[in-house]
Amino acid sequence: MKVNRNIIEIDEELCDGCGQCVPSCTEGALEIVKGKAKLVAEVYCDGLGACLGECPTGALTVTEREADEFDEEAVEEFLSSKAKETPPQEEAMACGCPSSSQIQGFAPTGVCEGANQPISQESQDSALAHWPVQSKLVPPTAPFLQGADLLVAADCTPVAYPNFHRDFLKGKAVMVGCPKLDDAEEYVQKFADVFNAAGIKSVSVVVMEVPCCQGLPVIVRKGMEKAGKNIPREKVVISPRGDLVSQDRLAA
């Protein structure tokens, strides 16, 4: 059924066929065909635009137009069929996180290596100042959100990054969630309600360096747009090894 909604548009003149957008689309809606990115089918595109930040040429945009309605069941069937076509040793989760065949073990810091690291003089006490923290459970009118600097964190980041409390959480209200496993549209509305009700001063979005996490900054932006707010934002990316990959201010 055709509906008026957001959907990805591809400028073929700008597209160089690099393929960086393909793994960032957790629904598998993008493929490279004859050297150009193509939308496989409108029903597979959720319109959230997680792929936008991966395109180095700016060939991808989100536009509002009449299109086939997004069909989550069709996406699951499509991804399942693609998985069957993939040799077992090459399988990976749709979100880009390692499958069981690609489990990573991180060796602890050696004695000599650890001796060369600076000793932190800061307290290692928890910086968490409120509860709950799960985005679904935090009411937009919560007192701790009023006039706060808001930290929106993908729920794997506190586990991966050893100094999460010291470097990101201290002095901030926090909301955590998973852009892959949770309801994206529900989150868009939740953040819109928060931005309308709480007078948020700034937003830091901390995500993992995997494609499925890249939808979280998009969800926050869409919530901000829905609320008609223009709040300073930054995006922080953490590697699965726990390293700080990047920390960038986002355009309004």
Protein backbone atom coordinates (compact mmCIF):
# COMPACT_ATOMS: atom_id res chain seq x y z
CA MET A 1 0.00 0.00 0.00
CA LYS A 2 1.28 3.43 -0.94
CA VAL A 3 1.64 5.99 1.88
CA ASN A 4 3.27 9.38 2.24
CA ARG A 5 6.44 8.81 4.27
CA ASN A 6 10.19 9.32 4.53
CA ILE A 7 12.34 7.15 2.26
CA ILE A 8 15.90 7.07 0.93
CA GLU A 9 16.67 8.74 -2.39
CA ILE A 10 19.90 8.04 -4.30
CA ASP A 11 21.58 10.56 -6.61
CA GLU A 12 23.25 8.29 -9.17
CA GLU A 13 25.42 11.12 -10.46
CA LEU A 14 26.98 11.53 -7.02
CA CYS A 15 27.13 7.80 -6.18
CA ASP A 16 30.54 6.27 -6.89
CA GLY A 17 29.54 2.73 -5.93
CA CYS A 18 31.87 2.51 -2.92
CA GLY A 19 29.33 0.35 -1.06
CA GLN A 20 29.89 1.91 2.37
CA CYS A 21 26.14 2.49 2.73
CA VAL A 22 25.21 -1.18 2.25
CA PRO A 23 26.27 -2.62 5.65
CA SER A 24 24.84 0.41 7.48
CA CYS A 25 21.32 -0.49 6.30
CA THR A 26 20.24 -3.09 8.85
CA GLU A 27 17.18 -3.94 6.74
CA GLY A 28 19.28 -4.84 3.68
CA ALA A 29 17.43 -2.29 1.55
CA LEU A 30 20.55 -1.13 -0.31
CA GLU A 31 22.69 -3.05 -2.80
CA ILE A 32 25.34 -2.14 -5.35
CA VAL A 33 24.08 -2.85 -8.87
CA LYS A 34 26.24 -2.06 -11.90
CA GLY A 35 28.47 0.22 -9.83
CA LYS A 36 25.68 2.24 -8.21
CA ALA A 37 23.76 2.01 -4.93
CA LYS A 38 20.19 0.90 -5.51
CA LEU A 39 17.12 0.61 -3.30
CA VAL A 40 16.16 -3.07 -3.45
CA ALA A 41 12.52 -2.37 -2.62
CA GLU A 42 10.65 0.46 -0.92
CA VAL A 43 9.10 -1.94 1.63
CA TYR A 44 12.59 -2.67 3.03
CA CYS A 45 13.50 0.98 3.73
CA ASP A 46 12.40 2.35 7.13
CA GLY A 47 13.32 5.92 6.16
CA LEU A 48 15.35 6.59 9.33
CA GLY A 49 18.48 7.30 7.29
CA ALA A 50 21.09 5.32 9.24
CA CYS A 51 23.02 5.01 5.96
CA LEU A 52 23.37 8.78 5.40
CA GLY A 53 26.54 9.25 7.43
CA GLU A 54 28.32 6.43 5.60
CA CYS A 55 28.13 8.02 2.13
CA PRO A 56 31.32 9.99 1.36
CA THR A 57 29.83 11.75 -1.68
CA GLY A 58 26.47 12.86 -0.25
CA ALA A 59 24.52 10.75 -2.76
CA LEU A 60 21.98 9.64 -0.16
CA THR A 61 19.18 11.79 1.19
CA VAL A 62 15.90 11.19 2.99
CA THR A 63 12.88 12.63 1.23
CA GLU A 64 9.17 12.56 2.00
CA ARG A 65 7.09 11.15 -0.85
CA GLU A 66 4.51 8.52 -1.73
CA ALA A 67 6.06 5.07 -1.38
CA ASP A 68 5.21 1.51 -0.45
CA GLU A 69 4.69 1.21 3.31
CA PHE A 70 7.64 -0.15 5.32
CA ASP A 71 7.04 -3.85 6.01
CA GLU A 72 9.05 -5.29 8.92
CA GLU A 73 7.87 -8.86 8.22
CA ALA A 74 9.01 -8.56 4.60
CA VAL A 75 12.40 -7.33 5.86
CA GLU A 76 12.78 -10.35 8.15
CA GLU A 77 11.91 -12.74 5.31
CA PHE A 78 14.31 -10.94 2.95
CA LEU A 79 17.20 -11.02 5.46
CA SER A 80 16.48 -14.66 6.22
CA SER A 81 16.63 -15.56 2.53
CA LYS A 82 19.91 -13.67 2.13
CA ALA A 83 21.40 -15.45 5.14
CA LYS A 84 20.63 -18.83 3.58
CA GLU A 85 22.57 -17.80 0.50
CA THR A 86 25.64 -16.87 2.58
CA PRO A 87 28.24 -19.53 3.42
CA PRO A 88 28.22 -20.27 7.17
CA GLN A 89 31.78 -19.07 7.71
CA GLU A 90 30.84 -15.67 6.34
CA GLU A 91 27.61 -15.19 8.25
CA ALA A 92 27.18 -12.11 10.42
CA MET A 93 24.26 -10.55 12.21
CA ALA A 94 22.24 -8.07 10.15
CA CYS A 95 23.25 -5.26 12.49
CA GLY A 96 26.94 -5.75 11.70
CA CYS A 97 27.82 -7.11 15.15
CA PRO A 98 30.01 -10.25 15.05
CA SER A 99 28.24 -13.59 14.79
CA SER A 100 29.16 -16.55 16.98
CA SER A 101 31.74 -17.56 14.36
CA GLN A 102 33.47 -14.20 14.79
CA ILE A 103 33.55 -13.91 18.58
CA GLN A 104 36.32 -11.58 19.67
CA GLY A 105 38.45 -12.07 22.77
CA PHE A 106 40.27 -9.07 24.17
CA ALA A 107 43.56 -9.86 25.86
CA PRO A 108 44.11 -8.11 29.19
CA THR A 109 46.80 -5.45 29.41
CA GLY A 110 50.17 -7.00 30.13
CA VAL A 111 52.12 -6.15 33.27
CA CYS A 112 54.77 -4.15 31.41
CA GLU A 113 52.23 -2.40 29.19
CA GLY A 114 50.07 -1.57 32.19
CA ALA A 115 53.05 -0.12 34.05
CA ASN A 116 53.47 2.46 31.30
CA GLN A 117 49.89 3.71 31.60
CA PRO A 118 49.18 6.84 33.67
CA ILE A 119 47.51 6.23 37.02
CA SER A 120 44.17 7.98 37.26
CA GLN A 121 43.87 10.24 40.31
CA GLU A 122 40.12 10.61 39.85
CA SER A 123 37.55 8.84 41.97
CA GLN A 124 36.12 5.73 40.40
CA ASP A 125 32.77 6.22 42.11
CA SER A 126 29.65 5.91 39.99
CA ALA A 127 28.63 9.12 38.22
CA LEU A 128 25.04 7.93 37.81
CA ALA A 129 22.72 10.47 39.43
CA HIS A 130 19.28 8.98 38.73
CA TRP A 131 17.19 5.92 37.98
CA PRO A 132 15.71 4.61 35.69
CA VAL A 133 18.04 4.95 32.74
CA GLN A 134 16.34 2.82 30.07
CA SER A 135 14.81 5.18 27.48
CA LYS A 136 11.44 3.41 27.52
CA LEU A 137 11.15 3.88 31.28
CA VAL A 138 12.30 7.49 31.60
CA PRO A 139 9.28 9.85 31.71
CA PRO A 140 9.73 13.08 29.69
CA THR A 141 8.77 15.07 32.80
CA ALA A 142 11.36 13.42 35.05
CA PRO A 143 12.90 16.03 37.39
CA PHE A 144 16.45 14.93 36.52
CA LEU A 145 15.87 15.84 32.86
CA GLN A 146 14.94 19.45 33.56
CA GLY A 147 17.61 21.74 32.09
CA ALA A 148 20.00 18.81 31.84
CA ASP A 149 22.87 17.96 29.54
CA LEU A 150 21.54 14.70 28.12
CA LEU A 151 23.63 11.61 27.39
CA VAL A 152 21.95 9.16 24.99
CA ALA A 153 23.92 5.92 24.99
CA ALA A 154 23.64 2.71 23.01
CA ASP A 155 23.38 0.09 25.70
CA CYS A 156 26.63 -1.71 24.77
CA THR A 157 28.80 1.40 25.22
CA PRO A 158 29.12 1.41 29.03
CA VAL A 159 30.36 -2.19 28.86
CA ALA A 160 32.87 -1.53 26.07
CA TYR A 161 34.32 1.79 27.26
CA PRO A 162 36.13 1.44 30.62
CA ASN A 163 35.94 5.11 31.64
CA PHE A 164 32.33 5.66 30.57
CA HIS A 165 31.29 7.25 33.88
CA ARG A 166 34.28 9.56 34.10
CA ASP A 167 34.43 10.67 30.47
CA PHE A 168 30.76 10.77 29.39
CA LEU A 169 28.27 10.36 32.25
CA LYS A 170 29.57 12.75 34.89
CA GLY A 171 27.20 15.69 35.35
CA LYS A 172 24.64 14.42 32.81
CA ALA A 173 21.25 12.76 32.72
CA VAL A 174 21.37 9.50 30.77
CA MET A 175 18.97 7.51 28.61
CA VAL A 176 20.09 4.16 27.16
CA GLY A 177 18.66 1.91 24.46
CA CYS A 178 19.36 -0.21 21.39
CA PRO A 179 18.43 1.25 17.97
CA LYS A 180 18.37 -2.25 16.47
CA LEU A 181 16.33 -4.20 19.02
CA ASP A 182 14.02 -1.45 20.28
CA ASP A 183 11.20 0.39 18.49
CA ALA A 184 12.78 3.29 16.57
CA GLU A 185 9.54 5.20 16.02
CA GLU A 186 8.67 4.89 19.71
CA TYR A 187 12.07 6.36 20.54
CA VAL A 188 11.60 9.24 18.10
CA GLN A 189 8.38 10.17 19.88
CA LYS A 190 9.97 9.72 23.33
CA PHE A 191 12.84 12.07 22.51
CA ALA A 192 10.43 14.57 20.94
CA ASP A 193 8.46 14.55 24.20
CA VAL A 194 11.66 14.96 26.24
CA PHE A 195 12.86 17.86 24.12
CA ASN A 196 9.46 19.54 24.41
CA ALA A 197 9.16 19.08 28.16
CA ALA A 198 12.61 19.22 29.69
CA GLY A 199 14.54 22.21 28.35
CA ILE A 200 17.54 20.02 27.48
CA LYS A 201 20.73 22.11 27.10
CA SER A 202 22.86 19.71 25.06
CA VAL A 203 22.82 16.12 23.77
CA SER A 204 25.72 13.67 23.51
CA VAL A 205 25.00 10.44 21.61
CA VAL A 206 27.43 7.59 22.33
CA VAL A 207 27.32 4.61 19.97
CA MET A 208 29.36 1.55 19.07
CA GLU A 209 31.36 1.33 15.83
CA VAL A 210 28.87 -1.09 14.23
CA PRO A 211 26.32 -0.24 11.52
CA CYS A 212 23.20 -0.92 13.60
CA CYS A 213 24.24 1.69 16.17
CA GLN A 214 24.33 4.49 13.61
CA GLY A 215 20.54 4.76 13.71
CA LEU A 216 20.63 6.20 17.25
CA PRO A 217 21.91 9.70 16.29
CA VAL A 218 19.30 9.73 13.50
CA ILE A 219 16.54 8.85 15.98
CA VAL A 220 17.65 11.66 18.30
CA ARG A 221 17.78 14.13 15.40
CA LYS A 222 14.33 13.16 14.19
CA GLY A 223 12.97 13.56 17.73
CA MET A 224 14.52 17.01 17.90
CA GLU A 225 13.04 17.97 14.53
CA LYS A 226 9.63 16.69 15.60
CA ALA A 227 9.83 18.85 18.72
CA GLY A 228 10.93 21.86 16.66
CA LYS A 229 14.08 22.27 18.76
CA ASN A 230 17.66 23.13 17.84
CA ILE A 231 19.90 21.78 20.60
CA PRO A 232 23.70 21.40 20.41
CA ARG A 233 24.60 17.76 19.67
CA GLU A 234 27.69 15.61 19.51
CA LYS A 235 28.30 12.03 18.39
CA VAL A 236 30.83 9.78 20.08
CA VAL A 237 31.86 6.45 18.53
CA ILE A 238 33.40 3.61 20.57
CA SER A 239 35.13 0.59 19.02
CA PRO A 240 34.24 -2.98 20.14
CA ARG A 241 37.70 -3.03 21.75
CA GLY A 242 36.70 -0.05 23.90
CA ASP A 243 38.69 2.67 22.14
CA LEU A 244 37.42 6.18 21.46
CA VAL A 245 37.12 6.25 17.65
CA SER A 246 35.71 9.75 17.16
CA GLN A 247 33.95 12.59 18.96
CA ASP A 248 32.31 15.13 16.68
CA ARG A 249 29.91 18.02 16.91
CA LEU A 250 26.86 17.47 14.72
CA ALA A 251 25.35 20.10 12.48
CA ALA A 252 22.00 21.49 13.59
